[in-house]
Amino acid sequence: MKVEQRQVTLQTENLEVGYSPQGKMDAFLRRSISLSAVSGEIIALIGPNGIGKSTLLRTLAGLIPKVSGTILVKGLPVDHYEPERFSRLMSFVSTEKLVVPLMTVAELVAYGRFPYTGWLGTLKKEDHQRVADALQKVGISHLSGKLINEISDGERQRAMIARALAQDTPLILLDEPTAFLDISNTYAIFQLLHELAAREEKTIILSTHDLHLALQKMDKLWIMLDTTTLEGAPEDAILKGWLQRLFHDDKVGFNAAKGEFFFRKEPVGTLSVEGNGRACTMVVKALERKGYQVNRSSREEIHVAVREGHKNISPEWDLLIRENRRTFHSIYDLVSEL
C-alpha cells in the first residue's frame, strides 16, 4: 500500500530566538532550533518554565523577530510573505485571558476573518458562513450572541480556537491553551484540537505542561532543553529517555513500561497482593503510591487478597498481617490501616 506523503508546513533550521544582548534587558537566547511539522499532525511543545516556549511560538508566529536562522512556511522563508498573505497561513492563540466588554462571541470569532475583509472589515456572506462553521466545530454555536465576559474560561478558550478556525489557516499555534481550565475542559480542548488536526488537515502546535495528556494525544513532541531541542513521537521520547532530561531533580523518574512519571523514594516496606481485575490494579497503584514494594509472585508477611465484586456487590480487600485478617470496603481505609 502506497503511503501518501504529507506536506511539510513549518520548518526551522538553526533558528535562534530570544532577546538581543544589545537590548536593555539581559540577553535571553535559545540556539540551534531545528524542527519540522507536517499537515494533519498535532504537536506539543514541552520544556521547563523559562526555557523559551512562548518566545519560540511568538517568533514562529511573527510577533517577535528571530535573532538568526531560518523559518520556512510552506517551503518559503517567512520574509517572503507579505503580512496579509502570512495571516492567511498562520494563526496564533495567546495564553492571556481575554477581557473585552460588550463584545459577543460571534464578534470575537469574526475577527478571524480580518485577513480577508480588508481595512473596512465588512463581512460578506462567505465570511458569516465561516464564522458559523467555526462556532459549530468547537461546539459553541449556542453562545454566539453571549458577551465574552459572560461565559466560562473553557467556553472563552473554545471561542479563541474558533477565531483561529475562522481565520482558515493551515497552521495554528497555541500558547498553553489549557492554562486556565479545569480538568474536564482541559481534556475536552485536547480532544477537540486532536480531532481538528486530523479532520481539517491542519498543523496544530501547542505548548503545554500536561505531559500525561501530551503523551496520550500528540503525534509529535518538540522538547526544549537548556542546550538542545529534540523532536519525535511520544514513544520515541520514552524509548530514548528524553523525558527524564526535563527534570534536574534525580528524585523524579519516568517509568517507560507504564508511560508515567514517579517520585523515587526508599520503599517503606514490602507486601504481596493476590487477585485480578480493576480492584486489584487500583490497590496495587495505591500501595505503590504510598511507597510499598508490591510482590505479585510470592506471599509476604503482609498480604492483601482482593475479592472482586459481582453485579451490585462492591469489591473487598482482605489484609492479612501475620495471619491476622481484616476486611476493608475501600482502598482508602485499607491504606490508612497500613
C-alpha atoms as a PDB file:
ATOM      1  CA  MET A   1       0.000   0.000   0.000  1.00  0.00           C
ATOM      2  CA  LYS A   2       1.365   3.397  -1.001  1.00  0.00           C
ATOM      3  CA  VAL A   3       1.661   5.842   1.899  1.00  0.00           C
ATOM      4  CA  GLU A   4       0.736   9.399   0.979  1.00  0.00           C
ATOM      5  CA  GLN A   5       3.470  11.904   1.768  1.00  0.00           C
ATOM      6  CA  ARG A   6       2.143  14.739   3.901  1.00  0.00           C
ATOM      7  CA  GLN A   7       3.293  18.265   3.212  1.00  0.00           C
ATOM      8  CA  VAL A   8       5.842  19.948   5.470  1.00  0.00           C
ATOM      9  CA  THR A   9       4.075  23.122   6.567  1.00  0.00           C
ATOM     10  CA  LEU A  10       6.640  24.521   9.007  1.00  0.00           C
ATOM     11  CA  GLN A  11      10.377  24.012   9.345  1.00  0.00           C
ATOM     12  CA  THR A  12      13.140  25.759  11.275  1.00  0.00           C
ATOM     13  CA  GLU A  13      16.852  25.460  10.555  1.00  0.00           C
ATOM     14  CA  ASN A  14      19.443  26.583  13.119  1.00  0.00           C
ATOM     15  CA  LEU A  15      16.899  29.046  14.457  1.00  0.00           C
ATOM     16  CA  GLU A  16      17.953  31.355  17.278  1.00  0.00           C
ATOM     17  CA  VAL A  17      15.236  33.069  19.300  1.00  0.00           C
ATOM     18  CA  GLY A  18      15.265  35.438  22.234  1.00  0.00           C
ATOM     19  CA  TYR A  19      16.339  38.940  23.067  1.00  0.00           C
ATOM     20  CA  SER A  20      19.434  40.512  21.582  1.00  0.00           C
ATOM     21  CA  PRO A  21      22.302  41.333  24.003  1.00  0.00           C
ATOM     22  CA  GLN A  22      22.142  44.924  22.717  1.00  0.00           C
ATOM     23  CA  GLY A  23      18.741  45.388  24.363  1.00  0.00           C
ATOM     24  CA  LYS A  24      18.160  46.896  27.780  1.00  0.00           C
ATOM     25  CA  MET A  25      17.121  43.537  29.220  1.00  0.00           C
ATOM     26  CA  ASP A  26      19.526  40.723  29.961  1.00  0.00           C
ATOM     27  CA  ALA A  27      20.175  38.550  26.944  1.00  0.00           C
ATOM     28  CA  PHE A  28      17.931  35.506  26.568  1.00  0.00           C
ATOM     29  CA  LEU A  29      18.832  33.229  23.685  1.00  0.00           C
ATOM     30  CA  ARG A  30      17.916  29.732  22.552  1.00  0.00           C
ATOM     31  CA  ARG A  31      20.101  28.494  19.716  1.00  0.00           C
ATOM     32  CA  SER A  32      20.212  25.718  17.115  1.00  0.00           C
ATOM     33  CA  ILE A  33      16.467  25.062  16.965  1.00  0.00           C
ATOM     34  CA  SER A  34      15.817  22.754  14.002  1.00  0.00           C
ATOM     35  CA  LEU A  35      12.279  21.375  13.961  1.00  0.00           C
ATOM     36  CA  SER A  36       9.593  20.392  11.475  1.00  0.00           C
ATOM     37  CA  ALA A  37       5.821  19.947  11.301  1.00  0.00           C
ATOM     38  CA  VAL A  38       3.602  18.408   8.631  1.00  0.00           C
ATOM     39  CA  SER A  39      -0.043  18.793   7.729  1.00  0.00           C
ATOM     40  CA  GLY A  40      -2.602  16.913   9.785  1.00  0.00           C
ATOM     41  CA  GLU A  41      -0.491  16.487  12.904  1.00  0.00           C
ATOM     42  CA  ILE A  42      -0.734  17.952  16.374  1.00  0.00           C
ATOM     43  CA  ILE A  43       2.495  18.768  18.206  1.00  0.00           C
ATOM     44  CA  ALA A  44       3.156  19.548  21.867  1.00  0.00           C
ATOM     45  CA  LEU A  45       5.967  21.944  22.713  1.00  0.00           C
ATOM     46  CA  ILE A  46       7.194  20.991  26.185  1.00  0.00           C
ATOM     47  CA  GLY A  47      10.024  22.040  28.457  1.00  0.00           C
ATOM     48  CA  PRO A  48      10.747  23.593  31.873  1.00  0.00           C
ATOM     49  CA  ASN A  49       9.424  27.020  32.841  1.00  0.00           C
ATOM     50  CA  GLY A  50      11.541  29.832  31.430  1.00  0.00           C
ATOM     51  CA  ILE A  51      13.083  27.683  28.701  1.00  0.00           C
ATOM     52  CA  GLY A  52      11.606  29.840  25.917  1.00  0.00           C
ATOM     53  CA  LYS A  53       8.488  28.009  24.733  1.00  0.00           C
ATOM     54  CA  SER A  54       6.372  31.174  24.443  1.00  0.00           C
ATOM     55  CA  THR A  55       9.284  33.022  22.842  1.00  0.00           C
ATOM     56  CA  LEU A  56       9.640  30.293  20.214  1.00  0.00           C
ATOM     57  CA  LEU A  57       5.909  30.251  19.417  1.00  0.00           C
ATOM     58  CA  ARG A  58       5.731  34.040  19.168  1.00  0.00           C
ATOM     59  CA  THR A  59       8.767  34.052  16.912  1.00  0.00           C
ATOM     60  CA  LEU A  60       7.220  31.438  14.635  1.00  0.00           C
ATOM     61  CA  ALA A  61       4.003  33.486  14.549  1.00  0.00           C
ATOM     62  CA  GLY A  62       5.937  36.598  13.517  1.00  0.00           C
ATOM     63  CA  LEU A  63       5.051  38.515  16.682  1.00  0.00           C
ATOM     64  CA  ILE A  64       8.706  38.984  17.670  1.00  0.00           C
ATOM     65  CA  PRO A  65      11.702  38.929  15.312  1.00  0.00           C
ATOM     66  CA  LYS A  66      14.057  35.969  15.146  1.00  0.00           C
ATOM     67  CA  VAL A  67      17.681  36.529  16.149  1.00  0.00           C
ATOM     68  CA  SER A  68      19.095  34.360  13.366  1.00  0.00           C
ATOM     69  CA  GLY A  69      18.461  31.182  11.386  1.00  0.00           C
ATOM     70  CA  THR A  70      15.640  30.180   9.071  1.00  0.00           C
ATOM     71  CA  ILE A  71      11.883  29.740   9.409  1.00  0.00           C
ATOM     72  CA  LEU A  72      10.184  28.129   6.422  1.00  0.00           C
ATOM     73  CA  VAL A  73       6.408  28.137   5.959  1.00  0.00           C
ATOM     74  CA  LYS A  74       5.143  26.030   3.064  1.00  0.00           C
ATOM     75  CA  GLY A  75       8.760  25.753   1.896  1.00  0.00           C
ATOM     76  CA  LEU A  76       9.409  29.503   1.710  1.00  0.00           C
ATOM     77  CA  PRO A  77      11.173  31.824   4.209  1.00  0.00           C
ATOM     78  CA  VAL A  78       8.720  33.860   6.279  1.00  0.00           C
ATOM     79  CA  ASP A  79      10.346  37.027   4.936  1.00  0.00           C
ATOM     80  CA  HIS A  80       8.960  36.055   1.533  1.00  0.00           C
ATOM     81  CA  TYR A  81       5.374  36.675   2.640  1.00  0.00           C
ATOM     82  CA  GLU A  82       3.569  39.986   2.868  1.00  0.00           C
ATOM     83  CA  PRO A  83       1.736  40.405   6.207  1.00  0.00           C
ATOM     84  CA  GLU A  84      -1.696  39.849   4.645  1.00  0.00           C
ATOM     85  CA  ARG A  85      -0.601  36.633   2.947  1.00  0.00           C
ATOM     86  CA  PHE A  86       1.149  35.392   6.110  1.00  0.00           C
ATOM     87  CA  SER A  87      -2.002  35.973   8.162  1.00  0.00           C
ATOM     88  CA  ARG A  88      -3.761  33.550   5.833  1.00  0.00           C
ATOM     89  CA  LEU A  89      -1.158  30.889   6.573  1.00  0.00           C
ATOM     90  CA  MET A  90      -0.726  31.071  10.350  1.00  0.00           C
ATOM     91  CA  SER A  91      -2.964  31.956  13.284  1.00  0.00           C
ATOM     92  CA  PHE A  92      -1.960  32.337  16.932  1.00  0.00           C
ATOM     93  CA  VAL A  93      -3.940  31.816  20.140  1.00  0.00           C
ATOM     94  CA  SER A  94      -2.404  33.500  23.172  1.00  0.00           C
ATOM     95  CA  THR A  95      -2.395  32.213  26.734  1.00  0.00           C
ATOM     96  CA  GLU A  96      -3.620  35.591  28.004  1.00  0.00           C
ATOM     97  CA  LYS A  97      -7.129  35.839  29.375  1.00  0.00           C
ATOM     98  CA  LEU A  98      -9.280  37.921  27.062  1.00  0.00           C
ATOM     99  CA  VAL A  99     -11.409  40.562  28.756  1.00  0.00           C
ATOM    100  CA  VAL A 100     -13.366  42.612  26.185  1.00  0.00           C
ATOM    101  CA  PRO A 101     -16.545  44.342  27.410  1.00  0.00           C
ATOM    102  CA  LEU A 102     -19.604  44.423  25.156  1.00  0.00           C
ATOM    103  CA  MET A 103     -18.178  42.036  22.551  1.00  0.00           C
ATOM    104  CA  THR A 104     -20.150  38.939  21.669  1.00  0.00           C
ATOM    105  CA  VAL A 105     -18.672  35.519  20.990  1.00  0.00           C
ATOM    106  CA  ALA A 106     -19.642  35.777  17.319  1.00  0.00           C
ATOM    107  CA  GLU A 107     -17.951  39.180  17.017  1.00  0.00           C
ATOM    108  CA  LEU A 108     -14.744  37.793  18.537  1.00  0.00           C
ATOM    109  CA  VAL A 109     -14.727  34.856  16.135  1.00  0.00           C
ATOM    110  CA  ALA A 110     -15.421  37.230  13.224  1.00  0.00           C
ATOM    111  CA  TYR A 111     -12.087  38.947  13.901  1.00  0.00           C
ATOM    112  CA  GLY A 112     -10.507  35.851  12.403  1.00  0.00           C
ATOM    113  CA  ARG A 113     -11.842  36.977   9.021  1.00  0.00           C
ATOM    114  CA  PHE A 114      -9.846  40.214   9.087  1.00  0.00           C
ATOM    115  CA  PRO A 115      -7.199  38.960   6.586  1.00  0.00           C
ATOM    116  CA  TYR A 116      -9.993  38.514   4.041  1.00  0.00           C
ATOM    117  CA  THR A 117     -12.146  41.601   4.637  1.00  0.00           C
ATOM    118  CA  GLY A 118      -9.637  44.440   4.210  1.00  0.00           C
ATOM    119  CA  TRP A 119      -9.407  47.546   6.381  1.00  0.00           C
ATOM    120  CA  LEU A 120     -13.143  48.203   6.331  1.00  0.00           C
ATOM    121  CA  GLY A 121     -13.796  44.845   7.945  1.00  0.00           C
ATOM    122  CA  THR A 122     -17.042  44.285   6.070  1.00  0.00           C
ATOM    123  CA  LEU A 123     -18.187  40.687   6.343  1.00  0.00           C
ATOM    124  CA  LYS A 124     -19.580  39.061   3.225  1.00  0.00           C
ATOM    125  CA  LYS A 125     -21.907  36.057   3.120  1.00  0.00           C
ATOM    126  CA  GLU A 126     -18.933  33.682   2.917  1.00  0.00           C
ATOM    127  CA  ASP A 127     -17.328  35.301   5.987  1.00  0.00           C
ATOM    128  CA  HIS A 128     -20.501  34.910   8.046  1.00  0.00           C
ATOM    129  CA  GLN A 129     -20.659  31.258   6.988  1.00  0.00           C
ATOM    130  CA  ARG A 130     -17.029  30.713   8.036  1.00  0.00           C
ATOM    131  CA  VAL A 131     -17.797  32.190  11.454  1.00  0.00           C
ATOM    132  CA  ALA A 132     -20.868  29.977  11.846  1.00  0.00           C
ATOM    133  CA  ASP A 133     -18.874  26.908  10.784  1.00  0.00           C
ATOM    134  CA  ALA A 134     -16.090  27.689  13.262  1.00  0.00           C
ATOM    135  CA  LEU A 135     -18.577  28.105  16.125  1.00  0.00           C
ATOM    136  CA  GLN A 136     -20.200  24.805  15.195  1.00  0.00           C
ATOM    137  CA  LYS A 137     -16.901  22.920  15.004  1.00  0.00           C
ATOM    138  CA  VAL A 138     -15.907  23.894  18.544  1.00  0.00           C
ATOM    139  CA  GLY A 139     -19.427  23.314  19.879  1.00  0.00           C
ATOM    140  CA  ILE A 140     -20.413  26.835  20.965  1.00  0.00           C
ATOM    141  CA  SER A 141     -22.958  27.900  18.320  1.00  0.00           C
ATOM    142  CA  HIS A 142     -25.464  28.410  21.130  1.00  0.00           C
ATOM    143  CA  LEU A 143     -23.176  31.054  22.659  1.00  0.00           C
ATOM    144  CA  SER A 144     -22.805  33.225  19.550  1.00  0.00           C
ATOM    145  CA  GLY A 145     -24.855  36.098  20.989  1.00  0.00           C
ATOM    146  CA  LYS A 146     -23.385  35.918  24.505  1.00  0.00           C
ATOM    147  CA  LEU A 147     -20.914  38.539  25.722  1.00  0.00           C
ATOM    148  CA  ILE A 148     -17.324  37.346  26.148  1.00  0.00           C
ATOM    149  CA  ASN A 149     -17.266  38.374  29.815  1.00  0.00           C
ATOM    150  CA  GLU A 150     -20.415  36.322  30.492  1.00  0.00           C
ATOM    151  CA  ILE A 151     -19.028  32.909  29.511  1.00  0.00           C
ATOM    152  CA  SER A 152     -16.747  30.472  31.323  1.00  0.00           C
ATOM    153  CA  ASP A 153     -12.991  30.119  30.840  1.00  0.00           C
ATOM    154  CA  GLY A 154     -13.479  26.874  28.925  1.00  0.00           C
ATOM    155  CA  GLU A 155     -16.059  28.467  26.635  1.00  0.00           C
ATOM    156  CA  ARG A 156     -13.825  31.505  26.121  1.00  0.00           C
ATOM    157  CA  GLN A 157     -10.933  29.277  25.104  1.00  0.00           C
ATOM    158  CA  ARG A 158     -13.170  27.489  22.610  1.00  0.00           C
ATOM    159  CA  ALA A 159     -14.125  30.891  21.218  1.00  0.00           C
ATOM    160  CA  MET A 160     -10.440  31.761  20.744  1.00  0.00           C
ATOM    161  CA  ILE A 161      -9.899  28.482  18.907  1.00  0.00           C
ATOM    162  CA  ALA A 162     -12.983  29.208  16.804  1.00  0.00           C
ATOM    163  CA  ARG A 163     -11.457  32.571  15.868  1.00  0.00           C
ATOM    164  CA  ALA A 164      -8.335  30.762  14.657  1.00  0.00           C
ATOM    165  CA  LEU A 165     -10.505  28.346  12.668  1.00  0.00           C
ATOM    166  CA  ALA A 166     -12.425  31.226  11.095  1.00  0.00           C
ATOM    167  CA  GLN A 167      -9.052  32.634  10.034  1.00  0.00           C
ATOM    168  CA  ASP A 168      -8.768  29.429   7.975  1.00  0.00           C
ATOM    169  CA  THR A 169      -5.010  28.946   8.189  1.00  0.00           C
ATOM    170  CA  PRO A 170      -3.133  25.677   7.614  1.00  0.00           C
ATOM    171  CA  LEU A 171      -1.042  26.413  10.733  1.00  0.00           C
ATOM    172  CA  ILE A 172      -2.436  27.115  14.213  1.00  0.00           C
ATOM    173  CA  LEU A 173      -0.126  27.928  17.143  1.00  0.00           C
ATOM    174  CA  LEU A 174      -1.475  27.945  20.707  1.00  0.00           C
ATOM    175  CA  ASP A 175       0.425  29.112  23.783  1.00  0.00           C
ATOM    176  CA  GLU A 176      -0.765  26.977  26.739  1.00  0.00           C
ATOM    177  CA  PRO A 177      -4.391  26.752  25.568  1.00  0.00           C
ATOM    178  CA  THR A 178      -5.485  24.951  28.762  1.00  0.00           C
ATOM    179  CA  ALA A 179      -3.638  27.150  31.278  1.00  0.00           C
ATOM    180  CA  PHE A 180      -6.804  28.428  32.998  1.00  0.00           C
ATOM    181  CA  LEU A 181      -9.038  25.396  32.530  1.00  0.00           C
ATOM    182  CA  ASP A 182     -10.257  22.693  34.891  1.00  0.00           C
ATOM    183  CA  ILE A 183      -9.564  19.008  34.241  1.00  0.00           C
ATOM    184  CA  SER A 184     -12.761  18.391  32.286  1.00  0.00           C
ATOM    185  CA  ASN A 185     -12.232  21.349  29.948  1.00  0.00           C
ATOM    186  CA  THR A 186      -8.540  20.533  29.560  1.00  0.00           C
ATOM    187  CA  TYR A 187      -9.355  17.056  28.258  1.00  0.00           C
ATOM    188  CA  ALA A 188     -12.127  18.464  26.046  1.00  0.00           C
ATOM    189  CA  ILE A 189      -9.809  21.065  24.450  1.00  0.00           C
ATOM    190  CA  PHE A 190      -7.065  18.500  23.809  1.00  0.00           C
ATOM    191  CA  GLN A 191      -9.573  16.154  22.198  1.00  0.00           C
ATOM    192  CA  LEU A 192     -11.028  18.988  20.111  1.00  0.00           C
ATOM    193  CA  LEU A 193      -7.602  20.042  18.812  1.00  0.00           C
ATOM    194  CA  HIS A 194      -6.658  16.432  18.086  1.00  0.00           C
ATOM    195  CA  GLU A 195      -9.815  15.969  16.010  1.00  0.00           C
ATOM    196  CA  LEU A 196      -9.349  19.285  14.184  1.00  0.00           C
ATOM    197  CA  ALA A 197      -5.805  18.396  13.163  1.00  0.00           C
ATOM    198  CA  ALA A 198      -6.914  15.064  11.731  1.00  0.00           C
ATOM    199  CA  ARG A 199     -10.208  16.199  10.197  1.00  0.00           C
ATOM    200  CA  GLU A 200      -9.141  19.587   8.821  1.00  0.00           C
ATOM    201  CA  GLU A 201      -5.584  18.527   7.818  1.00  0.00           C
ATOM    202  CA  LYS A 202      -4.210  21.443   9.819  1.00  0.00           C
ATOM    203  CA  THR A 203      -0.881  21.608  11.603  1.00  0.00           C
ATOM    204  CA  ILE A 204      -1.536  22.436  15.267  1.00  0.00           C
ATOM    205  CA  ILE A 205       1.355  23.278  17.602  1.00  0.00           C
ATOM    206  CA  LEU A 206       0.695  23.999  21.270  1.00  0.00           C
ATOM    207  CA  SER A 207       2.761  24.489  24.381  1.00  0.00           C
ATOM    208  CA  THR A 208       1.688  22.611  27.491  1.00  0.00           C
ATOM    209  CA  HIS A 209       2.832  21.475  30.914  1.00  0.00           C
ATOM    210  CA  ASP A 210       0.464  18.494  30.896  1.00  0.00           C
ATOM    211  CA  LEU A 211       2.916  15.732  29.999  1.00  0.00           C
ATOM    212  CA  HIS A 212       0.383  12.966  30.608  1.00  0.00           C
ATOM    213  CA  LEU A 213      -2.031  14.317  28.003  1.00  0.00           C
ATOM    214  CA  ALA A 214       0.820  15.177  25.655  1.00  0.00           C
ATOM    215  CA  LEU A 215       1.925  11.537  25.694  1.00  0.00           C
ATOM    216  CA  GLN A 216      -1.638  10.382  25.047  1.00  0.00           C
ATOM    217  CA  LYS A 217      -2.826  12.819  22.382  1.00  0.00           C
ATOM    218  CA  MET A 218       0.132  14.228  20.445  1.00  0.00           C
ATOM    219  CA  ASP A 219       1.537  12.987  17.132  1.00  0.00           C
ATOM    220  CA  LYS A 220       4.898  14.560  17.909  1.00  0.00           C
ATOM    221  CA  LEU A 221       6.733  16.258  20.773  1.00  0.00           C
ATOM    222  CA  TRP A 222       9.045  19.232  20.483  1.00  0.00           C
ATOM    223  CA  ILE A 223      11.174  19.135  23.639  1.00  0.00           C
ATOM    224  CA  MET A 224      13.124  22.261  24.601  1.00  0.00           C
ATOM    225  CA  LEU A 225      16.104  21.719  26.900  1.00  0.00           C
ATOM    226  CA  ASP A 226      18.872  24.043  28.073  1.00  0.00           C
ATOM    227  CA  THR A 227      21.309  23.165  25.304  1.00  0.00           C
ATOM    228  CA  THR A 228      19.272  21.398  22.630  1.00  0.00           C
ATOM    229  CA  THR A 229      15.835  20.856  21.139  1.00  0.00           C
ATOM    230  CA  LEU A 230      14.533  17.362  20.335  1.00  0.00           C
ATOM    231  CA  GLU A 231      11.607  16.125  18.257  1.00  0.00           C
ATOM    232  CA  GLY A 232       9.885  12.807  17.758  1.00  0.00           C
ATOM    233  CA  ALA A 233       6.815  10.743  18.568  1.00  0.00           C
ATOM    234  CA  PRO A 234       5.901  10.410  22.259  1.00  0.00           C
ATOM    235  CA  GLU A 235       7.062   6.806  22.030  1.00  0.00           C
ATOM    236  CA  ASP A 236      10.444   7.977  20.698  1.00  0.00           C
ATOM    237  CA  ALA A 237      10.754  10.289  23.684  1.00  0.00           C
ATOM    238  CA  ILE A 238      10.040   7.377  26.038  1.00  0.00           C
ATOM    239  CA  LEU A 239      12.395   4.899  24.379  1.00  0.00           C
ATOM    240  CA  LYS A 240      15.271   7.373  24.084  1.00  0.00           C
ATOM    241  CA  GLY A 241      14.983   8.708  27.631  1.00  0.00           C
ATOM    242  CA  TRP A 242      14.285  12.290  26.558  1.00  0.00           C
ATOM    243  CA  LEU A 243      11.547  12.877  29.112  1.00  0.00           C
ATOM    244  CA  GLN A 244      13.867  12.223  32.033  1.00  0.00           C
ATOM    245  CA  ARG A 245      16.015  15.125  30.829  1.00  0.00           C
ATOM    246  CA  LEU A 246      13.168  17.525  31.583  1.00  0.00           C
ATOM    247  CA  PHE A 247      13.894  17.147  35.303  1.00  0.00           C
ATOM    248  CA  HIS A 248      17.001  18.318  37.116  1.00  0.00           C
ATOM    249  CA  ASP A 249      15.799  16.592  40.289  1.00  0.00           C
ATOM    250  CA  ASP A 250      17.012  12.975  40.430  1.00  0.00           C
ATOM    251  CA  LYS A 251      14.053  12.155  42.695  1.00  0.00           C
ATOM    252  CA  VAL A 252      11.707  12.263  39.686  1.00  0.00           C
ATOM    253  CA  GLY A 253      11.798   9.311  37.302  1.00  0.00           C
ATOM    254  CA  PHE A 254       9.883   8.065  34.290  1.00  0.00           C
ATOM    255  CA  ASN A 255       8.520   4.532  34.068  1.00  0.00           C
ATOM    256  CA  ALA A 256       8.787   3.634  30.365  1.00  0.00           C
ATOM    257  CA  ALA A 257       6.696   0.471  30.794  1.00  0.00           C
ATOM    258  CA  LYS A 258       3.762   2.365  32.342  1.00  0.00           C
ATOM    259  CA  GLY A 259       4.343   5.612  30.466  1.00  0.00           C
ATOM    260  CA  GLU A 260       4.142   7.735  33.610  1.00  0.00           C
ATOM    261  CA  PHE A 261       6.322   9.796  35.934  1.00  0.00           C
ATOM    262  CA  PHE A 262       7.034   8.809  39.509  1.00  0.00           C
ATOM    263  CA  PHE A 263       8.885  10.040  42.585  1.00  0.00           C
ATOM    264  CA  ARG A 264      11.915   7.994  43.589  1.00  0.00           C
ATOM    265  CA  LYS A 265      11.966   7.124  47.278  1.00  0.00           C
ATOM    266  CA  GLU A 266      13.058   4.336  49.554  1.00  0.00           C
ATOM    267  CA  PRO A 267      10.266   1.741  49.950  1.00  0.00           C
ATOM    268  CA  VAL A 268       8.525   1.837  53.318  1.00  0.00           C
ATOM    269  CA  GLY A 269       8.056  -1.926  53.211  1.00  0.00           C
ATOM    270  CA  THR A 270       7.270  -4.973  51.086  1.00  0.00           C
ATOM    271  CA  LEU A 271       3.947  -6.726  50.825  1.00  0.00           C
ATOM    272  CA  SER A 272       2.198  -9.096  48.453  1.00  0.00           C
ATOM    273  CA  VAL A 273      -1.067  -8.737  46.576  1.00  0.00           C
ATOM    274  CA  GLU A 274      -3.264 -11.535  45.278  1.00  0.00           C
ATOM    275  CA  GLY A 275      -6.110 -11.079  42.824  1.00  0.00           C
ATOM    276  CA  ASN A 276      -7.125  -9.865  39.387  1.00  0.00           C
ATOM    277  CA  GLY A 277      -9.273  -7.207  37.805  1.00  0.00           C
ATOM    278  CA  ARG A 278      -9.595  -3.487  38.233  1.00  0.00           C
ATOM    279  CA  ALA A 279      -9.917  -3.586  42.021  1.00  0.00           C
ATOM    280  CA  CYS A 280      -6.556  -5.339  42.181  1.00  0.00           C
ATOM    281  CA  THR A 281      -4.930  -2.895  39.753  1.00  0.00           C
ATOM    282  CA  MET A 282      -6.152   0.061  41.794  1.00  0.00           C
ATOM    283  CA  VAL A 283      -4.983  -1.295  45.137  1.00  0.00           C
ATOM    284  CA  VAL A 284      -1.511  -2.002  43.698  1.00  0.00           C
ATOM    285  CA  LYS A 285      -1.415   1.562  42.380  1.00  0.00           C
ATOM    286  CA  ALA A 286      -2.392   2.949  45.789  1.00  0.00           C
ATOM    287  CA  LEU A 287       0.147   0.831  47.651  1.00  0.00           C
ATOM    288  CA  GLU A 288       2.962   1.839  45.302  1.00  0.00           C
ATOM    289  CA  ARG A 289       1.946   5.469  45.657  1.00  0.00           C
ATOM    290  CA  LYS A 290       2.300   5.113  49.440  1.00  0.00           C
ATOM    291  CA  GLY A 291       5.819   3.741  48.972  1.00  0.00           C
ATOM    292  CA  TYR A 292       5.326  -0.014  49.283  1.00  0.00           C
ATOM    293  CA  GLN A 293       7.146  -2.508  47.096  1.00  0.00           C
ATOM    294  CA  VAL A 294       4.471  -4.879  45.798  1.00  0.00           C
ATOM    295  CA  ASN A 295       5.253  -8.548  45.213  1.00  0.00           C
ATOM    296  CA  ARG A 296       2.827 -10.486  42.995  1.00  0.00           C
ATOM    297  CA  SER A 297       4.759 -13.763  42.763  1.00  0.00           C
ATOM    298  CA  SER A 298       5.176 -14.875  46.393  1.00  0.00           C
ATOM    299  CA  ARG A 299       3.418 -14.322  49.689  1.00  0.00           C
ATOM    300  CA  GLU A 300       4.871 -11.828  52.138  1.00  0.00           C
ATOM    301  CA  GLU A 301       4.217 -11.369  55.843  1.00  0.00           C
ATOM    302  CA  ILE A 302       1.834  -8.532  54.926  1.00  0.00           C
ATOM    303  CA  HIS A 303      -0.588  -9.797  52.301  1.00  0.00           C
ATOM    304  CA  VAL A 304      -3.596  -8.250  50.542  1.00  0.00           C
ATOM    305  CA  ALA A 305      -6.201 -10.510  48.924  1.00  0.00           C
ATOM    306  CA  VAL A 306      -8.659  -8.860  46.543  1.00  0.00           C
ATOM    307  CA  ARG A 307     -12.196 -10.135  46.200  1.00  0.00           C
ATOM    308  CA  GLU A 308     -13.748  -8.605  43.063  1.00  0.00           C
ATOM    309  CA  GLY A 309     -17.411  -7.693  43.434  1.00  0.00           C
ATOM    310  CA  HIS A 310     -20.165  -9.170  41.252  1.00  0.00           C
ATOM    311  CA  LYS A 311     -23.183  -7.249  39.915  1.00  0.00           C
ATOM    312  CA  ASN A 312     -24.209  -4.878  42.712  1.00  0.00           C
ATOM    313  CA  ILE A 313     -21.628  -6.175  45.185  1.00  0.00           C
ATOM    314  CA  SER A 314     -18.634  -3.881  45.741  1.00  0.00           C
ATOM    315  CA  PRO A 315     -15.122  -5.357  45.862  1.00  0.00           C
ATOM    316  CA  GLU A 316     -13.455  -6.080  49.198  1.00  0.00           C
ATOM    317  CA  TRP A 317      -9.836  -6.189  50.292  1.00  0.00           C
ATOM    318  CA  ASP A 318      -8.619  -8.636  52.934  1.00  0.00           C
ATOM    319  CA  LEU A 319      -5.482  -7.520  54.786  1.00  0.00           C
ATOM    320  CA  LEU A 320      -3.511 -10.291  56.459  1.00  0.00           C
ATOM    321  CA  ILE A 321      -0.697  -9.376  58.845  1.00  0.00           C
ATOM    322  CA  ARG A 322       0.838 -12.461  60.438  1.00  0.00           C
ATOM    323  CA  GLU A 323      -2.440 -14.325  59.738  1.00  0.00           C
ATOM    324  CA  ASN A 324      -4.485 -11.618  61.459  1.00  0.00           C
ATOM    325  CA  ARG A 325      -7.224 -10.842  58.923  1.00  0.00           C
ATOM    326  CA  ARG A 326      -9.202  -7.623  58.471  1.00  0.00           C
ATOM    327  CA  THR A 327     -11.635  -6.821  55.679  1.00  0.00           C
ATOM    328  CA  PHE A 328     -11.948  -3.376  54.106  1.00  0.00           C
ATOM    329  CA  HIS A 329     -14.591  -1.974  51.789  1.00  0.00           C
ATOM    330  CA  SER A 330     -12.461   0.886  50.428  1.00  0.00           C
ATOM    331  CA  ILE A 331      -8.852   1.265  49.388  1.00  0.00           C
ATOM    332  CA  TYR A 332      -8.621   4.426  51.469  1.00  0.00           C
ATOM    333  CA  ASP A 333      -9.411   2.530  54.667  1.00  0.00           C
ATOM    334  CA  LEU A 334      -7.016  -0.277  53.735  1.00  0.00           C
ATOM    335  CA  VAL A 335      -4.089   2.067  53.038  1.00  0.00           C
ATOM    336  CA  SER A 336      -4.854   4.092  56.168  1.00  0.00           C
ATOM    337  CA  GLU A 337      -4.593   0.915  58.276  1.00  0.00           C
ATOM    338  CA  LEU A 338      -1.110   0.276  56.903  1.00  0.00           C
END
